[in-house]
Amino acid sequence: MPEISGLGHVGLFCNDLPKMRDFYARILGLTISDENLERGICFLSAAPDAEHHELALVQAKEPAQKTHNVQQVSFKVKRLDDVRAFHHRLQKEGMKIDRTVTHGIACSVYFFDPEDNRIELYYTTPYKVRQPLGEHIDLDRPRRGAAGLRKIARGDQGAAARRPAARRVDTRARALPTGA
C-alpha cells in the first residue's frame, strides 16, 4: 500500500502579498526560495537546500478568495530559547499573541500573522506526555517554565492525568437479530 512520507508544504491565499512576504521572510526568517510577484506567488522555506518550499503565499484574485478552515500552521524551532526570542520579536512587531503554552511534548507560542492566520512556533521536548495537554508557560521566567515542564513530563498533569484512558471503540460489523 502506498504511504505518505511527510507534509510537503502549506499554501495560503493573501490579500496583501507584499506584507505577508515581508512578515514571513523578515520577522520569521524564512528564505524566499522562488517568487513571481507579477503572477502573485511567493515560495518560502526554513531549509531551502533540503525543501524548495514549505510555505506558498498566493495573492487572492478577489476579496472572497481567502484561506478557510485552517486551524493553524506550525513551524519547528531548534531550541526553547528560539521560542522565547521569537515571542519577544513578535511582541516588538506588535503581532497579536494568542498564547504561550507547554504541551509537555512541545513548548509553543501561538500568534496571528498579518492576515489573522493562526501560527504556532514550537520546540519539541524530549518528554512523552499524553495529549491533549496545554498549560500556560511564562517564557520570560525560564526556570519556572522549565520546572513546570519537567513536572508535567513526570505525569503530574492535574485534571489531564486523572482523566480515564480513551475507550477502544468496537467497530466490527454485527449481524442484526432476525425479526427485529
N, C-alpha and C. Protein backbone atom coordinates (compact mmCIF):
# COMPACT_ATOMS: atom_id res chain seq x y z
N MET A 1 0.84 -1.18 0.00
CA MET A 1 0.00 0.00 0.00
C MET A 1 0.89 1.25 0.00
N PRO A 2 0.59 2.22 -0.83
CA PRO A 2 1.39 3.46 -0.82
C PRO A 2 1.21 4.20 0.50
N GLU A 3 2.23 4.96 0.87
CA GLU A 3 2.13 5.72 2.12
C GLU A 3 2.70 7.11 1.95
N ILE A 4 2.18 8.02 2.76
CA ILE A 4 2.65 9.41 2.75
C ILE A 4 3.93 9.49 3.56
N SER A 5 4.93 10.20 3.06
CA SER A 5 6.21 10.30 3.76
C SER A 5 6.34 11.56 4.60
N GLY A 6 5.43 12.51 4.45
CA GLY A 6 5.50 13.73 5.25
C GLY A 6 4.68 14.82 4.61
N LEU A 7 4.50 15.91 5.33
CA LEU A 7 3.80 17.07 4.81
C LEU A 7 4.77 17.89 3.99
N GLY A 8 4.40 18.22 2.77
CA GLY A 8 5.29 18.95 1.89
C GLY A 8 5.27 20.45 2.10
N HIS A 9 4.10 21.06 1.98
CA HIS A 9 4.00 22.50 2.17
C HIS A 9 2.55 22.90 2.40
N VAL A 10 2.38 24.13 2.84
CA VAL A 10 1.06 24.72 3.04
C VAL A 10 0.99 25.94 2.14
N GLY A 11 -0.17 26.16 1.54
CA GLY A 11 -0.38 27.34 0.71
C GLY A 11 -1.47 28.20 1.33
N LEU A 12 -1.24 29.51 1.39
CA LEU A 12 -2.21 30.44 1.95
C LEU A 12 -2.54 31.52 0.93
N PHE A 13 -3.83 31.80 0.74
CA PHE A 13 -4.23 32.97 -0.04
C PHE A 13 -3.96 34.21 0.79
N CYS A 14 -3.56 35.30 0.15
CA CYS A 14 -3.24 36.55 0.84
C CYS A 14 -3.96 37.71 0.17
N ASN A 15 -4.44 38.63 0.97
CA ASN A 15 -5.00 39.87 0.44
C ASN A 15 -3.89 40.88 0.15
N ASP A 16 -2.80 40.81 0.91
CA ASP A 16 -1.67 41.74 0.74
C ASP A 16 -0.39 40.91 0.69
N LEU A 17 -0.07 40.39 -0.48
CA LEU A 17 1.10 39.52 -0.65
C LEU A 17 2.40 40.18 -0.21
N PRO A 18 2.69 41.43 -0.58
CA PRO A 18 3.95 42.02 -0.13
C PRO A 18 4.07 42.10 1.40
N LYS A 19 2.99 42.40 2.09
CA LYS A 19 3.02 42.46 3.56
C LYS A 19 3.26 41.08 4.16
N MET A 20 2.60 40.06 3.62
CA MET A 20 2.78 38.69 4.13
C MET A 20 4.18 38.19 3.79
N ARG A 21 4.67 38.48 2.60
CA ARG A 21 6.03 38.10 2.19
C ARG A 21 7.04 38.69 3.16
N ASP A 22 6.89 39.97 3.47
CA ASP A 22 7.79 40.65 4.40
C ASP A 22 7.73 40.02 5.78
N PHE A 23 6.53 39.72 6.26
CA PHE A 23 6.39 39.13 7.59
C PHE A 23 7.10 37.78 7.68
N TYR A 24 6.82 36.88 6.75
CA TYR A 24 7.39 35.54 6.83
C TYR A 24 8.90 35.54 6.56
N ALA A 25 9.39 36.43 5.73
CA ALA A 25 10.83 36.49 5.46
C ALA A 25 11.57 37.30 6.52
N ARG A 26 11.12 38.50 6.81
CA ARG A 26 11.85 39.39 7.73
C ARG A 26 11.63 39.03 9.20
N ILE A 27 10.40 38.81 9.60
CA ILE A 27 10.10 38.57 11.02
C ILE A 27 10.38 37.12 11.40
N LEU A 28 9.88 36.16 10.61
CA LEU A 28 10.09 34.75 10.95
C LEU A 28 11.38 34.18 10.39
N GLY A 29 11.99 34.87 9.42
CA GLY A 29 13.30 34.44 8.92
C GLY A 29 13.28 33.33 7.88
N LEU A 30 12.12 33.06 7.28
CA LEU A 30 12.10 32.06 6.21
C LEU A 30 12.80 32.62 4.98
N THR A 31 13.39 31.74 4.19
CA THR A 31 14.10 32.13 2.97
C THR A 31 13.13 32.11 1.79
N ILE A 32 13.15 33.17 1.01
CA ILE A 32 12.37 33.19 -0.23
C ILE A 32 13.13 32.34 -1.24
N SER A 33 12.56 31.20 -1.58
CA SER A 33 13.24 30.27 -2.47
C SER A 33 12.90 30.53 -3.94
N ASP A 34 11.76 31.11 -4.21
CA ASP A 34 11.32 31.49 -5.56
C ASP A 34 10.14 32.42 -5.39
N GLU A 35 9.92 33.25 -6.41
CA GLU A 35 8.72 34.07 -6.39
C GLU A 35 8.49 34.64 -7.79
N ASN A 36 7.24 34.97 -8.03
CA ASN A 36 6.86 35.69 -9.23
C ASN A 36 5.75 36.64 -8.80
N LEU A 37 6.13 37.85 -8.44
CA LEU A 37 5.17 38.79 -7.89
C LEU A 37 4.17 39.25 -8.94
N GLU A 38 4.55 39.23 -10.23
CA GLU A 38 3.60 39.57 -11.29
C GLU A 38 2.47 38.54 -11.34
N ARG A 39 2.81 37.29 -11.10
CA ARG A 39 1.80 36.22 -11.08
C ARG A 39 1.19 36.06 -9.70
N GLY A 40 1.76 36.75 -8.69
CA GLY A 40 1.19 36.74 -7.36
C GLY A 40 1.48 35.50 -6.54
N ILE A 41 2.74 35.05 -6.54
CA ILE A 41 3.10 33.88 -5.73
C ILE A 41 4.51 34.02 -5.18
N CYS A 42 4.68 33.56 -3.95
CA CYS A 42 5.98 33.59 -3.27
C CYS A 42 6.15 32.27 -2.53
N PHE A 43 7.30 31.62 -2.72
CA PHE A 43 7.62 30.35 -2.07
C PHE A 43 8.68 30.60 -1.01
N LEU A 44 8.48 30.05 0.20
CA LEU A 44 9.42 30.25 1.31
C LEU A 44 9.76 28.92 1.95
N SER A 45 10.98 28.86 2.52
CA SER A 45 11.44 27.63 3.16
C SER A 45 12.33 27.94 4.36
N ALA A 46 12.25 27.09 5.36
CA ALA A 46 13.16 27.17 6.50
C ALA A 46 14.49 26.50 6.16
N ALA A 47 14.48 25.59 5.21
CA ALA A 47 15.68 24.84 4.82
C ALA A 47 15.67 24.67 3.30
N PRO A 48 15.95 25.75 2.55
CA PRO A 48 15.82 25.68 1.09
C PRO A 48 16.72 24.65 0.40
N ASP A 49 17.82 24.25 1.04
CA ASP A 49 18.67 23.21 0.44
C ASP A 49 18.02 21.84 0.52
N ALA A 50 17.16 21.66 1.52
CA ALA A 50 16.50 20.37 1.71
C ALA A 50 15.09 20.34 1.14
N GLU A 51 14.37 21.47 1.21
CA GLU A 51 12.98 21.54 0.75
C GLU A 51 12.77 22.86 0.05
N HIS A 52 12.43 22.81 -1.24
CA HIS A 52 12.27 24.04 -2.02
C HIS A 52 11.37 25.04 -1.32
N HIS A 53 10.20 24.58 -0.88
CA HIS A 53 9.31 25.47 -0.13
C HIS A 53 8.43 24.66 0.82
N GLU A 54 8.17 25.28 1.95
CA GLU A 54 7.25 24.72 2.93
C GLU A 54 6.01 25.59 3.05
N LEU A 55 6.11 26.80 2.53
CA LEU A 55 5.00 27.75 2.56
C LEU A 55 4.91 28.44 1.20
N ALA A 56 3.70 28.44 0.65
CA ALA A 56 3.43 29.17 -0.59
C ALA A 56 2.40 30.25 -0.27
N LEU A 57 2.74 31.48 -0.58
CA LEU A 57 1.83 32.60 -0.39
C LEU A 57 1.31 33.01 -1.76
N VAL A 58 -0.01 33.07 -1.91
CA VAL A 58 -0.63 33.34 -3.21
C VAL A 58 -1.56 34.53 -3.07
N GLN A 59 -1.38 35.52 -3.94
CA GLN A 59 -2.25 36.70 -3.93
C GLN A 59 -3.67 36.30 -4.31
N ALA A 60 -4.64 36.61 -3.45
CA ALA A 60 -6.04 36.35 -3.77
C ALA A 60 -6.44 37.25 -4.94
N LYS A 61 -7.19 36.71 -5.86
CA LYS A 61 -7.59 37.46 -7.04
C LYS A 61 -8.82 38.32 -6.79
N GLU A 62 -9.59 37.96 -5.76
CA GLU A 62 -10.78 38.73 -5.39
C GLU A 62 -10.93 38.65 -3.87
N PRO A 63 -11.61 39.60 -3.26
CA PRO A 63 -11.72 39.63 -1.80
C PRO A 63 -12.31 38.36 -1.18
N ALA A 64 -13.22 37.70 -1.89
CA ALA A 64 -13.84 36.49 -1.34
C ALA A 64 -12.90 35.29 -1.34
N GLN A 65 -11.84 35.37 -2.13
CA GLN A 65 -10.89 34.26 -2.20
C GLN A 65 -9.97 34.36 -0.99
N LYS A 66 -10.16 33.49 -0.03
CA LYS A 66 -9.44 33.54 1.25
C LYS A 66 -9.19 32.11 1.69
N THR A 67 -8.12 31.90 2.43
CA THR A 67 -7.86 30.59 3.00
C THR A 67 -8.89 30.37 4.11
N HIS A 68 -9.61 29.26 4.04
CA HIS A 68 -10.66 28.96 5.02
C HIS A 68 -10.35 27.67 5.78
N ASN A 69 -10.81 27.62 7.01
CA ASN A 69 -10.80 26.41 7.82
C ASN A 69 -9.41 25.86 8.15
N VAL A 70 -8.41 26.71 8.15
CA VAL A 70 -7.09 26.28 8.61
C VAL A 70 -7.02 26.59 10.10
N GLN A 71 -6.87 25.56 10.92
CA GLN A 71 -6.83 25.76 12.37
C GLN A 71 -5.54 26.43 12.79
N GLN A 72 -4.42 25.99 12.21
CA GLN A 72 -3.13 26.62 12.49
C GLN A 72 -2.10 26.10 11.51
N VAL A 73 -1.02 26.85 11.34
CA VAL A 73 0.15 26.43 10.61
C VAL A 73 1.29 26.47 11.62
N SER A 74 2.04 25.37 11.73
CA SER A 74 3.06 25.25 12.77
C SER A 74 4.46 25.12 12.16
N PHE A 75 5.40 25.81 12.79
CA PHE A 75 6.80 25.75 12.38
C PHE A 75 7.64 25.31 13.57
N LYS A 76 8.58 24.39 13.33
CA LYS A 76 9.50 23.93 14.37
C LYS A 76 10.66 24.91 14.53
N VAL A 77 11.17 25.01 15.77
CA VAL A 77 12.42 25.71 16.03
C VAL A 77 13.34 24.74 16.75
N LYS A 78 14.64 25.06 16.83
CA LYS A 78 15.62 24.12 17.37
C LYS A 78 15.72 24.12 18.89
N ARG A 79 15.45 25.28 19.52
CA ARG A 79 15.66 25.39 20.97
C ARG A 79 14.50 26.15 21.62
N LEU A 80 14.32 25.91 22.91
CA LEU A 80 13.33 26.67 23.67
C LEU A 80 13.68 28.16 23.64
N ASP A 81 14.96 28.49 23.66
CA ASP A 81 15.37 29.89 23.57
C ASP A 81 14.91 30.55 22.27
N ASP A 82 14.76 29.75 21.20
CA ASP A 82 14.25 30.29 19.94
C ASP A 82 12.78 30.66 20.07
N VAL A 83 12.01 29.83 20.77
CA VAL A 83 10.60 30.16 21.02
C VAL A 83 10.53 31.49 21.77
N ARG A 84 11.36 31.61 22.80
CA ARG A 84 11.40 32.83 23.62
C ARG A 84 11.79 34.06 22.77
N ALA A 85 12.83 33.91 21.96
CA ALA A 85 13.30 35.03 21.12
C ALA A 85 12.24 35.43 20.10
N PHE A 86 11.59 34.45 19.48
CA PHE A 86 10.51 34.78 18.54
C PHE A 86 9.35 35.46 19.26
N HIS A 87 9.02 34.99 20.46
CA HIS A 87 7.94 35.61 21.24
C HIS A 87 8.24 37.09 21.45
N HIS A 88 9.47 37.41 21.83
CA HIS A 88 9.85 38.81 22.04
C HIS A 88 9.83 39.59 20.72
N ARG A 89 10.31 38.98 19.63
CA ARG A 89 10.31 39.65 18.33
C ARG A 89 8.88 39.94 17.88
N LEU A 90 7.99 38.97 18.06
CA LEU A 90 6.59 39.15 17.67
C LEU A 90 5.93 40.27 18.48
N GLN A 91 6.23 40.31 19.79
CA GLN A 91 5.70 41.38 20.64
C GLN A 91 6.22 42.74 20.15
N LYS A 92 7.51 42.81 19.85
CA LYS A 92 8.12 44.06 19.39
C LYS A 92 7.48 44.54 18.08
N GLU A 93 7.11 43.59 17.22
CA GLU A 93 6.49 43.92 15.94
C GLU A 93 5.00 44.20 16.07
N GLY A 94 4.46 44.06 17.29
CA GLY A 94 3.04 44.35 17.51
C GLY A 94 2.09 43.26 17.04
N MET A 95 2.59 42.04 16.90
CA MET A 95 1.74 40.94 16.45
C MET A 95 0.84 40.49 17.61
N LYS A 96 -0.35 40.01 17.27
CA LYS A 96 -1.31 39.55 18.28
C LYS A 96 -0.90 38.14 18.74
N ILE A 97 -0.52 38.04 20.02
CA ILE A 97 -0.14 36.74 20.61
C ILE A 97 -1.41 36.07 21.11
N ASP A 98 -1.60 34.82 20.73
CA ASP A 98 -2.74 34.05 21.20
C ASP A 98 -2.43 33.46 22.57
N ARG A 99 -1.32 32.71 22.67
CA ARG A 99 -0.94 32.11 23.95
C ARG A 99 0.46 31.54 23.87
N THR A 100 1.06 31.37 25.04
CA THR A 100 2.31 30.64 25.18
C THR A 100 1.96 29.43 26.04
N VAL A 101 2.40 28.26 25.61
CA VAL A 101 1.89 27.05 26.23
C VAL A 101 2.93 25.93 26.17
N THR A 102 2.84 25.04 27.14
CA THR A 102 3.58 23.78 27.05
C THR A 102 2.55 22.68 26.85
N HIS A 103 2.89 21.79 25.93
CA HIS A 103 2.09 20.58 25.71
C HIS A 103 2.82 19.38 26.34
N GLY A 104 3.89 19.65 27.10
CA GLY A 104 4.72 18.57 27.61
C GLY A 104 5.67 18.07 26.54
N ILE A 105 5.12 17.71 25.39
CA ILE A 105 5.93 17.24 24.26
C ILE A 105 6.51 18.40 23.48
N ALA A 106 6.00 19.62 23.73
CA ALA A 106 6.46 20.81 23.00
C ALA A 106 6.16 22.05 23.81
N CYS A 107 6.94 23.11 23.56
CA CYS A 107 6.68 24.44 24.12
C CYS A 107 6.44 25.36 22.94
N SER A 108 5.39 26.19 23.02
CA SER A 108 4.93 26.92 21.85
C SER A 108 4.54 28.35 22.16
N VAL A 109 4.62 29.15 21.10
CA VAL A 109 3.96 30.45 21.09
C VAL A 109 3.00 30.40 19.91
N TYR A 110 1.74 30.71 20.19
CA TYR A 110 0.71 30.81 19.16
C TYR A 110 0.42 32.28 18.94
N PHE A 111 0.30 32.69 17.66
CA PHE A 111 0.05 34.09 17.34
C PHE A 111 -0.67 34.17 16.00
N PHE A 112 -1.03 35.38 15.61
CA PHE A 112 -1.72 35.58 14.35
C PHE A 112 -0.83 36.39 13.40
N ASP A 113 -0.73 35.93 12.16
CA ASP A 113 0.05 36.66 11.17
C ASP A 113 -0.71 37.91 10.72
N PRO A 114 -0.16 38.72 9.81
CA PRO A 114 -0.82 39.96 9.44
C PRO A 114 -2.23 39.81 8.85
N GLU A 115 -2.58 38.60 8.40
CA GLU A 115 -3.93 38.40 7.85
C GLU A 115 -4.75 37.45 8.72
N ASP A 116 -4.40 37.37 9.99
CA ASP A 116 -5.14 36.61 11.01
C ASP A 116 -5.14 35.10 10.83
N ASN A 117 -4.12 34.54 10.19
CA ASN A 117 -3.93 33.10 10.19
C ASN A 117 -3.24 32.75 11.50
N ARG A 118 -3.71 31.71 12.19
CA ARG A 118 -3.12 31.30 13.46
C ARG A 118 -1.85 30.49 13.17
N ILE A 119 -0.75 30.93 13.77
CA ILE A 119 0.56 30.33 13.54
C ILE A 119 1.12 29.85 14.88
N GLU A 120 1.82 28.72 14.85
CA GLU A 120 2.50 28.21 16.04
C GLU A 120 3.97 28.07 15.71
N LEU A 121 4.83 28.51 16.64
CA LEU A 121 6.25 28.21 16.60
C LEU A 121 6.52 27.33 17.80
N TYR A 122 7.14 26.17 17.61
CA TYR A 122 7.29 25.25 18.73
C TYR A 122 8.65 24.57 18.75
N TYR A 123 9.05 24.23 19.99
CA TYR A 123 10.25 23.45 20.27
C TYR A 123 9.78 22.09 20.77
N THR A 124 10.29 21.02 20.19
CA THR A 124 9.95 19.67 20.63
C THR A 124 10.82 19.29 21.82
N THR A 125 10.17 18.91 22.93
CA THR A 125 10.90 18.50 24.13
C THR A 125 11.23 17.00 24.04
N PRO A 126 12.08 16.51 24.93
CA PRO A 126 12.39 15.07 24.92
C PRO A 126 11.36 14.24 25.68
N TYR A 127 10.30 14.87 26.18
CA TYR A 127 9.34 14.18 27.05
C TYR A 127 8.20 13.55 26.27
N LYS A 128 7.67 12.47 26.83
CA LYS A 128 6.48 11.81 26.28
C LYS A 128 5.34 12.10 27.26
N VAL A 129 4.36 12.85 26.80
CA VAL A 129 3.24 13.26 27.65
C VAL A 129 1.95 13.02 26.88
N ARG A 130 1.01 12.43 27.57
CA ARG A 130 -0.29 12.14 26.96
C ARG A 130 -0.97 13.43 26.50
N GLN A 131 -1.56 13.40 25.32
CA GLN A 131 -2.23 14.55 24.75
C GLN A 131 -3.75 14.31 24.72
N PRO A 132 -4.54 15.33 24.71
CA PRO A 132 -4.17 16.73 24.63
C PRO A 132 -3.78 17.29 25.99
N LEU A 133 -2.84 18.19 25.97
CA LEU A 133 -2.42 18.91 27.16
C LEU A 133 -1.97 20.29 26.72
N GLY A 134 -2.38 21.29 27.42
CA GLY A 134 -1.95 22.65 27.13
C GLY A 134 -2.01 23.48 28.39
N GLU A 135 -0.86 23.81 28.94
CA GLU A 135 -0.78 24.64 30.14
C GLU A 135 0.06 25.86 29.83
N HIS A 136 -0.39 27.00 30.34
CA HIS A 136 0.34 28.25 30.13
C HIS A 136 1.78 28.11 30.59
N ILE A 137 2.69 28.67 29.83
CA ILE A 137 4.09 28.73 30.22
C ILE A 137 4.54 30.18 30.07
N ASP A 138 5.25 30.65 31.09
CA ASP A 138 5.78 32.02 31.09
C ASP A 138 7.17 31.97 30.49
N LEU A 139 7.29 32.39 29.25
CA LEU A 139 8.58 32.32 28.56
C LEU A 139 9.61 33.29 29.11
N ASP A 140 9.18 34.27 29.87
CA ASP A 140 10.12 35.22 30.47
C ASP A 140 10.64 34.75 31.82
N ARG A 141 10.16 33.62 32.30
CA ARG A 141 10.64 33.03 33.55
C ARG A 141 11.09 31.61 33.25
N PRO A 142 12.23 31.46 32.58
CA PRO A 142 12.64 30.14 32.10
C PRO A 142 12.82 29.10 33.19
N ARG A 143 13.30 29.49 34.36
CA ARG A 143 13.47 28.47 35.41
C ARG A 143 12.12 27.92 35.83
N ARG A 144 11.18 28.82 36.05
CA ARG A 144 9.84 28.37 36.42
C ARG A 144 9.22 27.57 35.28
N GLY A 145 9.42 28.04 34.06
CA GLY A 145 8.87 27.34 32.90
C GLY A 145 9.46 25.95 32.74
N ALA A 146 10.77 25.83 32.89
CA ALA A 146 11.43 24.53 32.75
C ALA A 146 11.00 23.59 33.86
N ALA A 147 10.90 24.11 35.09
CA ALA A 147 10.46 23.28 36.21
C ALA A 147 9.03 22.82 35.98
N GLY A 148 8.20 23.73 35.50
CA GLY A 148 6.82 23.35 35.20
C GLY A 148 6.74 22.31 34.11
N LEU A 149 7.60 22.44 33.11
CA LEU A 149 7.65 21.47 32.03
C LEU A 149 8.07 20.10 32.55
N ARG A 150 9.09 20.06 33.42
CA ARG A 150 9.51 18.78 34.00
C ARG A 150 8.40 18.17 34.83
N LYS A 151 7.68 18.99 35.60
CA LYS A 151 6.59 18.49 36.44
C LYS A 151 5.52 17.84 35.57
N ILE A 152 5.16 18.51 34.48
CA ILE A 152 4.16 17.95 33.57
C ILE A 152 4.68 16.66 32.95
N ALA A 153 5.94 16.67 32.54
CA ALA A 153 6.51 15.49 31.89
C ALA A 153 6.57 14.29 32.82
N ARG A 154 6.69 14.54 34.14
CA ARG A 154 6.73 13.44 35.11
C ARG A 154 5.34 12.83 35.31
N GLY A 155 4.32 13.46 34.74
CA GLY A 155 3.00 12.88 34.85
C GLY A 155 2.06 13.62 35.78
N ASP A 156 2.53 14.67 36.45
CA ASP A 156 1.66 15.46 37.32
C ASP A 156 0.93 16.49 36.45
N GLN A 157 -0.11 16.02 35.78
CA GLN A 157 -0.81 16.84 34.81
C GLN A 157 -2.16 17.35 35.32
N GLY A 158 -2.37 17.31 36.60
CA GLY A 158 -3.64 17.79 37.13
C GLY A 158 -4.80 16.98 36.56
N ALA A 159 -5.83 17.67 36.09
CA ALA A 159 -7.03 17.02 35.58
C ALA A 159 -6.71 16.10 34.41
N ALA A 160 -5.74 16.48 33.60
CA ALA A 160 -5.40 15.64 32.44
C ALA A 160 -4.89 14.27 32.88
N ALA A 161 -4.14 14.21 34.00
CA ALA A 161 -3.61 12.94 34.47
C ALA A 161 -4.71 12.08 35.07
N ARG A 162 -5.75 12.69 35.62
CA ARG A 162 -6.84 11.93 36.24
C ARG A 162 -7.89 11.48 35.23
N ARG A 163 -7.82 11.98 34.03
CA ARG A 163 -8.79 11.64 33.01
C ARG A 163 -8.63 10.17 32.65
N PRO A 164 -9.73 9.42 32.55
CA PRO A 164 -9.60 8.00 32.19
C PRO A 164 -9.07 7.85 30.77
N ALA A 165 -8.41 6.75 30.53
CA ALA A 165 -7.89 6.47 29.19
C ALA A 165 -9.05 6.37 28.20
N ALA A 166 -8.78 6.73 26.98
CA ALA A 166 -9.82 6.66 25.94
C ALA A 166 -10.26 5.22 25.78
N ARG A 167 -11.55 5.03 25.62
CA ARG A 167 -12.08 3.68 25.44
C ARG A 167 -11.91 3.27 23.98
N ARG A 168 -11.59 2.03 23.80
CA ARG A 168 -11.48 1.50 22.45
C ARG A 168 -12.89 1.23 21.94
N VAL A 169 -13.17 1.69 20.76
CA VAL A 169 -14.49 1.51 20.17
C VAL A 169 -14.48 0.26 19.30
N ASP A 170 -15.47 -0.61 19.52
CA ASP A 170 -15.59 -1.82 18.73
C ASP A 170 -16.29 -1.46 17.42
N THR A 171 -15.56 -1.54 16.33
CA THR A 171 -16.13 -1.15 15.03
C THR A 171 -16.47 -2.36 14.17
N ARG A 172 -16.41 -3.57 14.76
CA ARG A 172 -16.73 -4.76 13.96
C ARG A 172 -18.21 -4.76 13.61
N ALA A 173 -18.50 -5.19 12.41
CA ALA A 173 -19.89 -5.30 11.98
C ALA A 173 -20.55 -6.45 12.74
N ARG A 174 -21.78 -6.26 13.16
CA ARG A 174 -22.51 -7.31 13.87
C ARG A 174 -23.81 -7.58 13.13
N ALA A 175 -24.18 -8.84 13.14
CA ALA A 175 -25.43 -9.20 12.49
C ALA A 175 -26.58 -8.74 13.37
N LEU A 176 -27.60 -8.17 12.72
CA LEU A 176 -28.79 -7.77 13.47
C LEU A 176 -29.65 -9.00 13.69
N PRO A 177 -30.32 -9.08 14.84
CA PRO A 177 -31.19 -10.24 15.07
C PRO A 177 -32.32 -10.25 14.05
N THR A 178 -32.69 -11.43 13.62
CA THR A 178 -33.78 -11.54 12.65
C THR A 178 -35.10 -11.22 13.32
N GLY A 179 -35.99 -10.66 12.55
CA GLY A 179 -37.32 -10.32 13.05
C GLY A 179 -37.34 -9.01 13.82
N ALA A 180 -36.26 -8.28 13.86
CA ALA A 180 -36.24 -7.04 14.62
C ALA A 180 -36.79 -5.90 13.80
